[in-house]
Amino acid sequence: MRTGEQPVMIYTTFGSLEDAKRVGGALVEKRLAACVNIFPGMISIFEWQGEIDEEAEIAMIIKTRRALTQAVLSETAELHPYDVPALLVLPTEAAGEGYRDWILEQTKPVS
């Protein structure tokens, strides 16, 4: 398998389910992601601007191919409501052949 075809997952968080759905839908529609998984109901505890904060957040995992990583990061950052969104690329060690092929098919540009 060529390096650009290796599946990757990109983790991010949102403050609202509506924002997560909006961004996730745009990524799938633009064929930058084969699928996004949205996990509502998460609590995040973090330090921001010198204060410890606790917020309800929604986690999202974006499934794409390695060759699209930069495009997905750029598009997500542009659409994201946070000033500094969490955008973490999680490489995969292996993938089922059928699922990998589906990711590749879903992220091919439409001709």
PDB file of N, CA and C in Angstrom:
ATOM      1  N   MET A   1       0.834  -1.168   0.000  1.00  0.00           N
ATOM      2  CA  MET A   1       0.000   0.000   0.000  1.00  0.00           C
ATOM      3  C   MET A   1       0.889   1.244   0.000  1.00  0.00           C
ATOM      4  N   ARG A   2       0.549   2.205  -0.856  1.00  0.00           N
ATOM      5  CA  ARG A   2       1.305   3.459  -0.893  1.00  0.00           C
ATOM      6  C   ARG A   2       1.030   4.264   0.373  1.00  0.00           C
ATOM      7  N   THR A   3       2.014   5.033   0.793  1.00  0.00           N
ATOM      8  CA  THR A   3       1.907   5.794   2.043  1.00  0.00           C
ATOM      9  C   THR A   3       0.689   6.705   2.074  1.00  0.00           C
ATOM     10  N   GLY A   4       0.379   7.397   0.986  1.00  0.00           N
ATOM     11  CA  GLY A   4      -0.755   8.315   0.947  1.00  0.00           C
ATOM     12  C   GLY A   4      -2.092   7.629   1.084  1.00  0.00           C
ATOM     13  N   GLU A   5      -2.121   6.308   0.883  1.00  0.00           N
ATOM     14  CA  GLU A   5      -3.370   5.562   0.988  1.00  0.00           C
ATOM     15  C   GLU A   5      -3.601   5.001   2.387  1.00  0.00           C
ATOM     16  N   GLN A   6      -2.633   5.128   3.276  1.00  0.00           N
ATOM     17  CA  GLN A   6      -2.781   4.632   4.648  1.00  0.00           C
ATOM     18  C   GLN A   6      -3.880   5.416   5.362  1.00  0.00           C
ATOM     19  N   PRO A   7      -4.846   4.740   5.970  1.00  0.00           N
ATOM     20  CA  PRO A   7      -5.871   5.472   6.728  1.00  0.00           C
ATOM     21  C   PRO A   7      -5.273   6.202   7.926  1.00  0.00           C
ATOM     22  N   VAL A   8      -5.828   7.372   8.217  1.00  0.00           N
ATOM     23  CA  VAL A   8      -5.482   8.114   9.433  1.00  0.00           C
ATOM     24  C   VAL A   8      -6.789   8.565  10.078  1.00  0.00           C
ATOM     25  N   MET A   9      -6.727   8.807  11.365  1.00  0.00           N
ATOM     26  CA  MET A   9      -7.857   9.374  12.090  1.00  0.00           C
ATOM     27  C   MET A   9      -7.390  10.712  12.656  1.00  0.00           C
ATOM     28  N   ILE A  10      -8.263  11.681  12.603  1.00  0.00           N
ATOM     29  CA  ILE A  10      -7.958  13.007  13.141  1.00  0.00           C
ATOM     30  C   ILE A  10      -8.975  13.292  14.244  1.00  0.00           C
ATOM     31  N   TYR A  11      -8.466  13.577  15.426  1.00  0.00           N
ATOM     32  CA  TYR A  11      -9.289  13.828  16.610  1.00  0.00           C
ATOM     33  C   TYR A  11      -9.465  15.331  16.792  1.00  0.00           C
ATOM     34  N   THR A  12     -10.683  15.734  17.112  1.00  0.00           N
ATOM     35  CA  THR A  12     -10.950  17.127  17.446  1.00  0.00           C
ATOM     36  C   THR A  12     -12.133  17.184  18.411  1.00  0.00           C
ATOM     37  N   THR A  13     -12.397  18.352  18.974  1.00  0.00           N
ATOM     38  CA  THR A  13     -13.520  18.539  19.889  1.00  0.00           C
ATOM     39  C   THR A  13     -14.284  19.799  19.506  1.00  0.00           C
ATOM     40  N   PHE A  14     -15.548  19.838  19.924  1.00  0.00           N
ATOM     41  CA  PHE A  14     -16.425  20.978  19.657  1.00  0.00           C
ATOM     42  C   PHE A  14     -17.205  21.321  20.908  1.00  0.00           C
ATOM     43  N   GLY A  15     -17.692  22.550  20.976  1.00  0.00           N
ATOM     44  CA  GLY A  15     -18.507  22.987  22.098  1.00  0.00           C
ATOM     45  C   GLY A  15     -19.981  22.686  21.924  1.00  0.00           C
ATOM     46  N   SER A  16     -20.392  22.359  20.690  1.00  0.00           N
ATOM     47  CA  SER A  16     -21.805  22.048  20.464  1.00  0.00           C
ATOM     48  C   SER A  16     -21.944  20.932  19.435  1.00  0.00           C
ATOM     49  N   LEU A  17     -23.011  20.176  19.582  1.00  0.00           N
ATOM     50  CA  LEU A  17     -23.314  19.104  18.637  1.00  0.00           C
ATOM     51  C   LEU A  17     -23.580  19.689  17.249  1.00  0.00           C
ATOM     52  N   GLU A  18     -24.228  20.827  17.193  1.00  0.00           N
ATOM     53  CA  GLU A  18     -24.530  21.469  15.915  1.00  0.00           C
ATOM     54  C   GLU A  18     -23.251  21.804  15.150  1.00  0.00           C
ATOM     55  N   ASP A  19     -22.242  22.350  15.843  1.00  0.00           N
ATOM     56  CA  ASP A  19     -20.975  22.666  15.181  1.00  0.00           C
ATOM     57  C   ASP A  19     -20.277  21.395  14.698  1.00  0.00           C
ATOM     58  N   ALA A  20     -20.294  20.354  15.516  1.00  0.00           N
ATOM     59  CA  ALA A  20     -19.660  19.090  15.126  1.00  0.00           C
ATOM     60  C   ALA A  20     -20.329  18.518  13.883  1.00  0.00           C
ATOM     61  N   LYS A  21     -21.647  18.530  13.847  1.00  0.00           N
ATOM     62  CA  LYS A  21     -22.375  18.009  12.684  1.00  0.00           C
ATOM     63  C   LYS A  21     -22.106  18.853  11.437  1.00  0.00           C
ATOM     64  N   ARG A  22     -22.060  20.162  11.599  1.00  0.00           N
ATOM     65  CA  ARG A  22     -21.813  21.066  10.477  1.00  0.00           C
ATOM     66  C   ARG A  22     -20.446  20.803   9.860  1.00  0.00           C
ATOM     67  N   VAL A  23     -19.420  20.750  10.703  1.00  0.00           N
ATOM     68  CA  VAL A  23     -18.057  20.529  10.206  1.00  0.00           C
ATOM     69  C   VAL A  23     -17.914  19.116   9.654  1.00  0.00           C
ATOM     70  N   GLY A  24     -18.420  18.123  10.379  1.00  0.00           N
ATOM     71  CA  GLY A  24     -18.335  16.747   9.910  1.00  0.00           C
ATOM     72  C   GLY A  24     -19.039  16.551   8.584  1.00  0.00           C
ATOM     73  N   GLY A  25     -20.224  17.118   8.452  1.00  0.00           N
ATOM     74  CA  GLY A  25     -20.966  17.017   7.201  1.00  0.00           C
ATOM     75  C   GLY A  25     -20.222  17.651   6.039  1.00  0.00           C
ATOM     76  N   ALA A  26     -19.608  18.796   6.278  1.00  0.00           N
ATOM     77  CA  ALA A  26     -18.844  19.474   5.222  1.00  0.00           C
ATOM     78  C   ALA A  26     -17.650  18.628   4.780  1.00  0.00           C
ATOM     79  N   LEU A  27     -16.956  17.992   5.731  1.00  0.00           N
ATOM     80  CA  LEU A  27     -15.793  17.171   5.387  1.00  0.00           C
ATOM     81  C   LEU A  27     -16.198  15.964   4.546  1.00  0.00           C
ATOM     82  N   VAL A  28     -17.311  15.328   4.896  1.00  0.00           N
ATOM     83  CA  VAL A  28     -17.779  14.170   4.125  1.00  0.00           C
ATOM     84  C   VAL A  28     -18.277  14.626   2.753  1.00  0.00           C
ATOM     85  N   GLU A  29     -19.028  15.716   2.730  1.00  0.00           N
ATOM     86  CA  GLU A  29     -19.550  16.226   1.461  1.00  0.00           C
ATOM     87  C   GLU A  29     -18.425  16.583   0.493  1.00  0.00           C
ATOM     88  N   LYS A  30     -17.345  17.159   1.003  1.00  0.00           N
ATOM     89  CA  LYS A  30     -16.207  17.549   0.157  1.00  0.00           C
ATOM     90  C   LYS A  30     -15.268  16.377  -0.128  1.00  0.00           C
ATOM     91  N   ARG A  31     -15.624  15.184   0.371  1.00  0.00           N
ATOM     92  CA  ARG A  31     -14.854  13.958   0.176  1.00  0.00           C
ATOM     93  C   ARG A  31     -13.456  14.037   0.808  1.00  0.00           C
ATOM     94  N   LEU A  32     -13.319  14.867   1.834  1.00  0.00           N
ATOM     95  CA  LEU A  32     -12.082  14.917   2.603  1.00  0.00           C
ATOM     96  C   LEU A  32     -12.069  13.851   3.682  1.00  0.00           C
ATOM     97  N   ALA A  33     -13.255  13.373   4.051  1.00  0.00           N
ATOM     98  CA  ALA A  33     -13.387  12.317   5.057  1.00  0.00           C
ATOM     99  C   ALA A  33     -14.358  11.266   4.533  1.00  0.00           C
ATOM    100  N   ALA A  34     -14.046  10.015   4.804  1.00  0.00           N
ATOM    101  CA  ALA A  34     -14.975   8.935   4.471  1.00  0.00           C
ATOM    102  C   ALA A  34     -16.103   8.902   5.476  1.00  0.00           C
ATOM    103  N   CYS A  35     -15.788   9.244   6.722  1.00  0.00           N
ATOM    104  CA  CYS A  35     -16.736   9.127   7.819  1.00  0.00           C
ATOM    105  C   CYS A  35     -16.235   9.984   8.975  1.00  0.00           C
ATOM    106  N   VAL A  36     -17.159  10.509   9.748  1.00  0.00           N
ATOM    107  CA  VAL A  36     -16.802  11.129  11.023  1.00  0.00           C
ATOM    108  C   VAL A  36     -17.638  10.470  12.101  1.00  0.00           C
ATOM    109  N   ASN A  37     -17.041  10.256  13.243  1.00  0.00           N
ATOM    110  CA  ASN A  37     -17.756   9.743  14.418  1.00  0.00           C
ATOM    111  C   ASN A  37     -17.847  10.889  15.417  1.00  0.00           C
ATOM    112  N   ILE A  38     -19.073  11.142  15.896  1.00  0.00           N
ATOM    113  CA  ILE A  38     -19.315  12.232  16.830  1.00  0.00           C
ATOM    114  C   ILE A  38     -19.758  11.622  18.158  1.00  0.00           C
ATOM    115  N   PHE A  39     -19.064  11.994  19.229  1.00  0.00           N
ATOM    116  CA  PHE A  39     -19.313  11.465  20.569  1.00  0.00           C
ATOM    117  C   PHE A  39     -19.752  12.590  21.496  1.00  0.00           C
ATOM    118  N   PRO A  40     -21.059  12.811  21.657  1.00  0.00           N
ATOM    119  CA  PRO A  40     -21.503  13.861  22.582  1.00  0.00           C
ATOM    120  C   PRO A  40     -21.355  13.405  24.034  1.00  0.00           C
ATOM    121  N   GLY A  41     -21.381  14.368  24.920  1.00  0.00           N
ATOM    122  CA  GLY A  41     -21.417  14.038  26.346  1.00  0.00           C
ATOM    123  C   GLY A  41     -20.071  13.918  27.029  1.00  0.00           C
ATOM    124  N   MET A  42     -19.031  14.507  26.479  1.00  0.00           N
ATOM    125  CA  MET A  42     -17.702  14.432  27.074  1.00  0.00           C
ATOM    126  C   MET A  42     -17.483  15.665  27.969  1.00  0.00           C
ATOM    127  N   ILE A  43     -16.760  15.494  29.044  1.00  0.00           N
ATOM    128  CA  ILE A  43     -16.358  16.609  29.904  1.00  0.00           C
ATOM    129  C   ILE A  43     -14.854  16.799  29.740  1.00  0.00           C
ATOM    130  N   SER A  44     -14.446  18.031  29.474  1.00  0.00           N
ATOM    131  CA  SER A  44     -13.023  18.360  29.357  1.00  0.00           C
ATOM    132  C   SER A  44     -12.617  19.267  30.511  1.00  0.00           C
ATOM    133  N   ILE A  45     -11.493  18.959  31.114  1.00  0.00           N
ATOM    134  CA  ILE A  45     -10.901  19.796  32.159  1.00  0.00           C
ATOM    135  C   ILE A  45      -9.543  20.221  31.644  1.00  0.00           C
ATOM    136  N   PHE A  46      -9.301  21.532  31.634  1.00  0.00           N
ATOM    137  CA  PHE A  46      -8.083  22.052  31.016  1.00  0.00           C
ATOM    138  C   PHE A  46      -7.746  23.423  31.602  1.00  0.00           C
ATOM    139  N   GLU A  47      -6.515  23.846  31.383  1.00  0.00           N
ATOM    140  CA  GLU A  47      -6.118  25.199  31.755  1.00  0.00           C
ATOM    141  C   GLU A  47      -6.108  26.056  30.502  1.00  0.00           C
ATOM    142  N   TRP A  48      -6.760  27.197  30.587  1.00  0.00           N
ATOM    143  CA  TRP A  48      -6.808  28.112  29.451  1.00  0.00           C
ATOM    144  C   TRP A  48      -6.681  29.533  29.987  1.00  0.00           C
ATOM    145  N   GLN A  49      -5.696  30.249  29.507  1.00  0.00           N
ATOM    146  CA  GLN A  49      -5.436  31.629  29.905  1.00  0.00           C
ATOM    147  C   GLN A  49      -5.306  31.759  31.420  1.00  0.00           C
ATOM    148  N   GLY A  50      -4.580  30.805  32.020  1.00  0.00           N
ATOM    149  CA  GLY A  50      -4.255  30.855  33.430  1.00  0.00           C
ATOM    150  C   GLY A  50      -5.336  30.349  34.370  1.00  0.00           C
ATOM    151  N   GLU A  51      -6.457  29.899  33.850  1.00  0.00           N
ATOM    152  CA  GLU A  51      -7.568  29.420  34.675  1.00  0.00           C
ATOM    153  C   GLU A  51      -7.866  27.954  34.370  1.00  0.00           C
ATOM    154  N   ILE A  52      -8.172  27.171  35.407  1.00  0.00           N
ATOM    155  CA  ILE A  52      -8.631  25.798  35.216  1.00  0.00           C
ATOM    156  C   ILE A  52     -10.111  25.874  34.855  1.00  0.00           C
ATOM    157  N   ASP A  53     -10.476  25.209  33.778  1.00  0.00           N
ATOM    158  CA  ASP A  53     -11.847  25.259  33.286  1.00  0.00           C
ATOM    159  C   ASP A  53     -12.380  23.847  33.100  1.00  0.00           C
ATOM    160  N   GLU A  54     -13.680  23.708  33.172  1.00  0.00           N
ATOM    161  CA  GLU A  54     -14.354  22.439  32.917  1.00  0.00           C
ATOM    162  C   GLU A  54     -15.528  22.738  31.997  1.00  0.00           C
ATOM    163  N   GLU A  55     -15.571  22.064  30.859  1.00  0.00           N
ATOM    164  CA  GLU A  55     -16.611  22.315  29.862  1.00  0.00           C
ATOM    165  C   GLU A  55     -17.151  21.006  29.307  1.00  0.00           C
ATOM    166  N   ALA A  56     -18.419  21.019  28.946  1.00  0.00           N
ATOM    167  CA  ALA A  56     -18.996  19.909  28.182  1.00  0.00           C
ATOM    168  C   ALA A  56     -18.530  20.072  26.738  1.00  0.00           C
ATOM    169  N   GLU A  57     -18.042  19.020  26.151  1.00  0.00           N
ATOM    170  CA  GLU A  57     -17.599  19.068  24.763  1.00  0.00           C
ATOM    171  C   GLU A  57     -18.085  17.835  24.015  1.00  0.00           C
ATOM    172  N   ILE A  58     -17.938  17.904  22.720  1.00  0.00           N
ATOM    173  CA  ILE A  58     -18.283  16.815  21.822  1.00  0.00           C
ATOM    174  C   ILE A  58     -16.993  16.417  21.119  1.00  0.00           C
ATOM    175  N   ALA A  59     -16.646  15.135  21.166  1.00  0.00           N
ATOM    176  CA  ALA A  59     -15.442  14.650  20.494  1.00  0.00           C
ATOM    177  C   ALA A  59     -15.810  14.181  19.086  1.00  0.00           C
ATOM    178  N   MET A  60     -14.877  14.334  18.164  1.00  0.00           N
ATOM    179  CA  MET A  60     -15.074  13.857  16.798  1.00  0.00           C
ATOM    180  C   MET A  60     -13.808  13.166  16.319  1.00  0.00           C
ATOM    181  N   ILE A  61     -13.999  12.041  15.647  1.00  0.00           N
ATOM    182  CA  ILE A  61     -12.904  11.364  14.966  1.00  0.00           C
ATOM    183  C   ILE A  61     -13.212  11.399  13.478  1.00  0.00           C
ATOM    184  N   ILE A  62     -12.289  11.922  12.721  1.00  0.00           N
ATOM    185  CA  ILE A  62     -12.413  12.055  11.271  1.00  0.00           C
ATOM    186  C   ILE A  62     -11.580  10.948  10.638  1.00  0.00           C
ATOM    187  N   LYS A  63     -12.190  10.137   9.785  1.00  0.00           N
ATOM    188  CA  LYS A  63     -11.484   9.038   9.126  1.00  0.00           C
ATOM    189  C   LYS A  63     -11.205   9.434   7.681  1.00  0.00           C
ATOM    190  N   THR A  64      -9.928   9.417   7.325  1.00  0.00           N
ATOM    191  CA  THR A  64      -9.513   9.843   5.997  1.00  0.00           C
ATOM    192  C   THR A  64      -8.273   9.081   5.577  1.00  0.00           C
ATOM    193  N   ARG A  65      -7.661   9.502   4.491  1.00  0.00           N
ATOM    194  CA  ARG A  65      -6.396   8.912   4.034  1.00  0.00           C
ATOM    195  C   ARG A  65      -5.255   9.886   4.304  1.00  0.00           C
ATOM    196  N   ARG A  66      -4.069   9.350   4.492  1.00  0.00           N
ATOM    197  CA  ARG A  66      -2.906  10.167   4.847  1.00  0.00           C
ATOM    198  C   ARG A  66      -2.669  11.308   3.861  1.00  0.00           C
ATOM    199  N   ALA A  67      -2.865  11.056   2.569  1.00  0.00           N
ATOM    200  CA  ALA A  67      -2.609  12.082   1.556  1.00  0.00           C
ATOM    201  C   ALA A  67      -3.494  13.317   1.735  1.00  0.00           C
ATOM    202  N   LEU A  68      -4.613  13.175   2.428  1.00  0.00           N
ATOM    203  CA  LEU A  68      -5.529  14.298   2.633  1.00  0.00           C
ATOM    204  C   LEU A  68      -5.369  14.970   3.989  1.00  0.00           C
ATOM    205  N   THR A  69      -4.408  14.544   4.776  1.00  0.00           N
ATOM    206  CA  THR A  69      -4.259  15.052   6.143  1.00  0.00           C
ATOM    207  C   THR A  69      -4.197  16.575   6.189  1.00  0.00           C
ATOM    208  N   GLN A  70      -3.335  17.191   5.418  1.00  0.00           N
ATOM    209  CA  GLN A  70      -3.187  18.650   5.474  1.00  0.00           C
ATOM    210  C   GLN A  70      -4.456  19.352   5.030  1.00  0.00           C
ATOM    211  N   ALA A  71      -5.117  18.827   3.997  1.00  0.00           N
ATOM    212  CA  ALA A  71      -6.364  19.432   3.528  1.00  0.00           C
ATOM    213  C   ALA A  71      -7.441  19.337   4.607  1.00  0.00           C
ATOM    214  N   VAL A  72      -7.533  18.196   5.288  1.00  0.00           N
ATOM    215  CA  VAL A  72      -8.520  18.026   6.356  1.00  0.00           C
ATOM    216  C   VAL A  72      -8.212  18.968   7.520  1.00  0.00           C
ATOM    217  N   LEU A  73      -6.944  19.059   7.906  1.00  0.00           N
ATOM    218  CA  LEU A  73      -6.567  19.961   8.999  1.00  0.00           C
ATOM    219  C   LEU A  73      -6.912  21.406   8.656  1.00  0.00           C
ATOM    220  N   SER A  74      -6.596  21.821   7.441  1.00  0.00           N
ATOM    221  CA  SER A  74      -6.880  23.203   7.016  1.00  0.00           C
ATOM    222  C   SER A  74      -8.374  23.486   6.974  1.00  0.00           C
ATOM    223  N   GLU A  75      -9.136  22.587   6.362  1.00  0.00           N
ATOM    224  CA  GLU A  75     -10.590  22.778   6.246  1.00  0.00           C
ATOM    225  C   GLU A  75     -11.251  22.770   7.620  1.00  0.00           C
ATOM    226  N   THR A  76     -10.837  21.851   8.475  1.00  0.00           N
ATOM    227  CA  THR A  76     -11.423  21.776   9.810  1.00  0.00           C
ATOM    228  C   THR A  76     -11.107  23.042  10.605  1.00  0.00           C
ATOM    229  N   ALA A  77      -9.863  23.498  10.547  1.00  0.00           N
ATOM    230  CA  ALA A  77      -9.482  24.721  11.261  1.00  0.00           C
ATOM    231  C   ALA A  77     -10.270  25.920  10.753  1.00  0.00           C
ATOM    232  N   GLU A  78     -10.482  25.978   9.443  1.00  0.00           N
ATOM    233  CA  GLU A  78     -11.213  27.105   8.854  1.00  0.00           C
ATOM    234  C   GLU A  78     -12.681  27.109   9.303  1.00  0.00           C
ATOM    235  N   LEU A  79     -13.303  25.932   9.387  1.00  0.00           N
ATOM    236  CA  LEU A  79     -14.717  25.828   9.748  1.00  0.00           C
ATOM    237  C   LEU A  79     -14.962  25.795  11.254  1.00  0.00           C
ATOM    238  N   HIS A  80     -13.917  25.529  12.030  1.00  0.00           N
ATOM    239  CA  HIS A  80     -14.047  25.310  13.473  1.00  0.00           C
ATOM    240  C   HIS A  80     -14.316  26.613  14.211  1.00  0.00           C
ATOM    241  N   PRO A  81     -15.238  26.606  15.185  1.00  0.00           N
ATOM    242  CA  PRO A  81     -15.518  27.828  15.928  1.00  0.00           C
ATOM    243  C   PRO A  81     -14.463  28.184  16.981  1.00  0.00           C
ATOM    244  N   TYR A  82     -13.615  27.236  17.395  1.00  0.00           N
ATOM    245  CA  TYR A  82     -12.606  27.534  18.420  1.00  0.00           C
ATOM    246  C   TYR A  82     -11.448  28.319  17.811  1.00  0.00           C
ATOM    247  N   ASP A  83     -10.851  29.207  18.623  1.00  0.00           N
ATOM    248  CA  ASP A  83      -9.647  29.921  18.191  1.00  0.00           C
ATOM    249  C   ASP A  83      -8.476  28.960  18.021  1.00  0.00           C
ATOM    250  N   VAL A  84      -8.368  28.005  18.935  1.00  0.00           N
ATOM    251  CA  VAL A  84      -7.283  27.022  18.910  1.00  0.00           C
ATOM    252  C   VAL A  84      -7.907  25.626  19.031  1.00  0.00           C
ATOM    253  N   PRO A  85      -8.406  25.080  17.920  1.00  0.00           N
ATOM    254  CA  PRO A  85      -9.038  23.755  18.013  1.00  0.00           C
ATOM    255  C   PRO A  85      -8.006  22.656  18.225  1.00  0.00           C
ATOM    256  N   ALA A  86      -8.401  21.638  18.973  1.00  0.00           N
ATOM    257  CA  ALA A  86      -7.583  20.427  19.085  1.00  0.00           C
ATOM    258  C   ALA A  86      -7.657  19.722  17.744  1.00  0.00           C
ATOM    259  N   LEU A  87      -6.539  19.519  17.101  1.00  0.00           N
ATOM    260  CA  LEU A  87      -6.461  18.776  15.846  1.00  0.00           C
ATOM    261  C   LEU A  87      -5.268  17.844  15.956  1.00  0.00           C
ATOM    262  N   LEU A  88      -5.544  16.585  16.251  1.00  0.00           N
ATOM    263  CA  LEU A  88      -4.496  15.604  16.472  1.00  0.00           C
ATOM    264  C   LEU A  88      -4.615  14.489  15.445  1.00  0.00           C
ATOM    265  N   VAL A  89      -3.550  14.247  14.697  1.00  0.00           N
ATOM    266  CA  VAL A  89      -3.535  13.195  13.686  1.00  0.00           C
ATOM    267  C   VAL A  89      -3.070  11.904  14.344  1.00  0.00           C
ATOM    268  N   LEU A  90      -3.903  10.864  14.210  1.00  0.00           N
ATOM    269  CA  LEU A  90      -3.614   9.565  14.798  1.00  0.00           C
ATOM    270  C   LEU A  90      -3.367   8.569  13.667  1.00  0.00           C
ATOM    271  N   PRO A  91      -2.113   8.229  13.411  1.00  0.00           N
ATOM    272  CA  PRO A  91      -1.843   7.261  12.347  1.00  0.00           C
ATOM    273  C   PRO A  91      -2.365   5.886  12.745  1.00  0.00           C
ATOM    274  N   THR A  92      -2.729   5.103  11.764  1.00  0.00           N
ATOM    275  CA  THR A  92      -3.191   3.748  12.039  1.00  0.00           C
ATOM    276  C   THR A  92      -2.074   2.769  11.711  1.00  0.00           C
ATOM    277  N   GLU A  93      -2.005   1.723  12.480  1.00  0.00           N
ATOM    278  CA  GLU A  93      -0.988   0.697  12.274  1.00  0.00           C
ATOM    279  C   GLU A  93      -1.416  -0.285  11.191  1.00  0.00           C
ATOM    280  N   ALA A  94      -2.704  -0.579  11.150  1.00  0.00           N
ATOM    281  CA  ALA A  94      -3.237  -1.510  10.156  1.00  0.00           C
ATOM    282  C   ALA A  94      -4.722  -1.227  10.004  1.00  0.00           C
ATOM    283  N   ALA A  95      -5.295  -1.746   8.919  1.00  0.00           N
ATOM    284  CA  ALA A  95      -6.727  -1.603   8.676  1.00  0.00           C
ATOM    285  C   ALA A  95      -7.209  -2.816   7.906  1.00  0.00           C
ATOM    286  N   GLY A  96      -8.453  -3.189   8.150  1.00  0.00           N
ATOM    287  CA  GLY A  96      -9.037  -4.254   7.350  1.00  0.00           C
ATOM    288  C   GLY A  96      -9.060  -3.825   5.895  1.00  0.00           C
ATOM    289  N   GLU A  97      -8.715  -4.722   5.016  1.00  0.00           N
ATOM    290  CA  GLU A  97      -8.592  -4.372   3.599  1.00  0.00           C
ATOM    291  C   GLU A  97      -9.885  -3.772   3.042  1.00  0.00           C
ATOM    292  N   GLY A  98     -11.015  -4.387   3.347  1.00  0.00           N
ATOM    293  CA  GLY A  98     -12.286  -3.878   2.840  1.00  0.00           C
ATOM    294  C   GLY A  98     -12.597  -2.489   3.354  1.00  0.00           C
ATOM    295  N   TYR A  99     -12.340  -2.246   4.637  1.00  0.00           N
ATOM    296  CA  TYR A  99     -12.609  -0.933   5.217  1.00  0.00           C
ATOM    297  C   TYR A  99     -11.650   0.104   4.654  1.00  0.00           C
ATOM    298  N   ARG A 100     -10.377  -0.258   4.536  1.00  0.00           N
ATOM    299  CA  ARG A 100      -9.394   0.658   3.933  1.00  0.00           C
ATOM    300  C   ARG A 100      -9.817   1.028   2.521  1.00  0.00           C
ATOM    301  N   ASP A 101     -10.226   0.038   1.732  1.00  0.00           N
ATOM    302  CA  ASP A 101     -10.651   0.304   0.358  1.00  0.00           C
ATOM    303  C   ASP A 101     -11.860   1.230   0.326  1.00  0.00           C
ATOM    304  N   TRP A 102     -12.779   1.060   1.288  1.00  0.00           N
ATOM    305  CA  TRP A 102     -13.949   1.928   1.366  1.00  0.00           C
ATOM    306  C   TRP A 102     -13.523   3.368   1.667  1.00  0.00           C
ATOM    307  N   ILE A 103     -12.597   3.554   2.601  1.00  0.00           N
ATOM    308  CA  ILE A 103     -12.089   4.903   2.898  1.00  0.00           C
ATOM    309  C   ILE A 103     -11.480   5.517   1.641  1.00  0.00           C
ATOM    310  N   LEU A 104     -10.679   4.750   0.940  1.00  0.00           N
ATOM    311  CA  LEU A 104     -10.048   5.273  -0.289  1.00  0.00           C
ATOM    312  C   LEU A 104     -11.097   5.657  -1.328  1.00  0.00           C
ATOM    313  N   GLU A 105     -12.112   4.823  -1.492  1.00  0.00           N
ATOM    314  CA  GLU A 105     -13.165   5.108  -2.476  1.00  0.00           C
ATOM    315  C   GLU A 105     -13.947   6.367  -2.083  1.00  0.00           C
ATOM    316  N   GLN A 106     -14.289   6.505  -0.822  1.00  0.00           N
ATOM    317  CA  GLN A 106     -15.082   7.634  -0.365  1.00  0.00           C
ATOM    318  C   GLN A 106     -14.320   8.949  -0.402  1.00  0.00           C
ATOM    319  N   THR A 107     -12.998   8.903  -0.420  1.00  0.00           N
ATOM    320  CA  THR A 107     -12.200  10.128  -0.400  1.00  0.00           C
ATOM    321  C   THR A 107     -11.554  10.419  -1.751  1.00  0.00           C
ATOM    322  N   LYS A 108     -11.977   9.681  -2.794  1.00  0.00           N
ATOM    323  CA  LYS A 108     -11.511   9.983  -4.145  1.00  0.00           C
ATOM    324  C   LYS A 108     -12.296  11.183  -4.665  1.00  0.00           C
ATOM    325  N   PRO A 109     -11.626  12.078  -5.383  1.00  0.00           N
ATOM    326  CA  PRO A 109     -12.381  13.192  -5.992  1.00  0.00           C
ATOM    327  C   PRO A 109     -13.396  12.631  -6.990  1.00  0.00           C
ATOM    328  N   VAL A 110     -14.537  13.287  -7.068  1.00  0.00           N
ATOM    329  CA  VAL A 110     -15.557  12.893  -8.040  1.00  0.00           C
ATOM    330  C   VAL A 110     -15.101  13.374  -9.403  1.00  0.00           C
ATOM    331  N   SER A 111     -15.162  12.480 -10.398  1.00  0.00           N
ATOM    332  CA  SER A 111     -14.718  12.887 -11.736  1.00  0.00           C
ATOM    333  C   SER A 111     -15.842  13.449 -12.555  1.00  0.00           C
TER     334      SER A 111
END
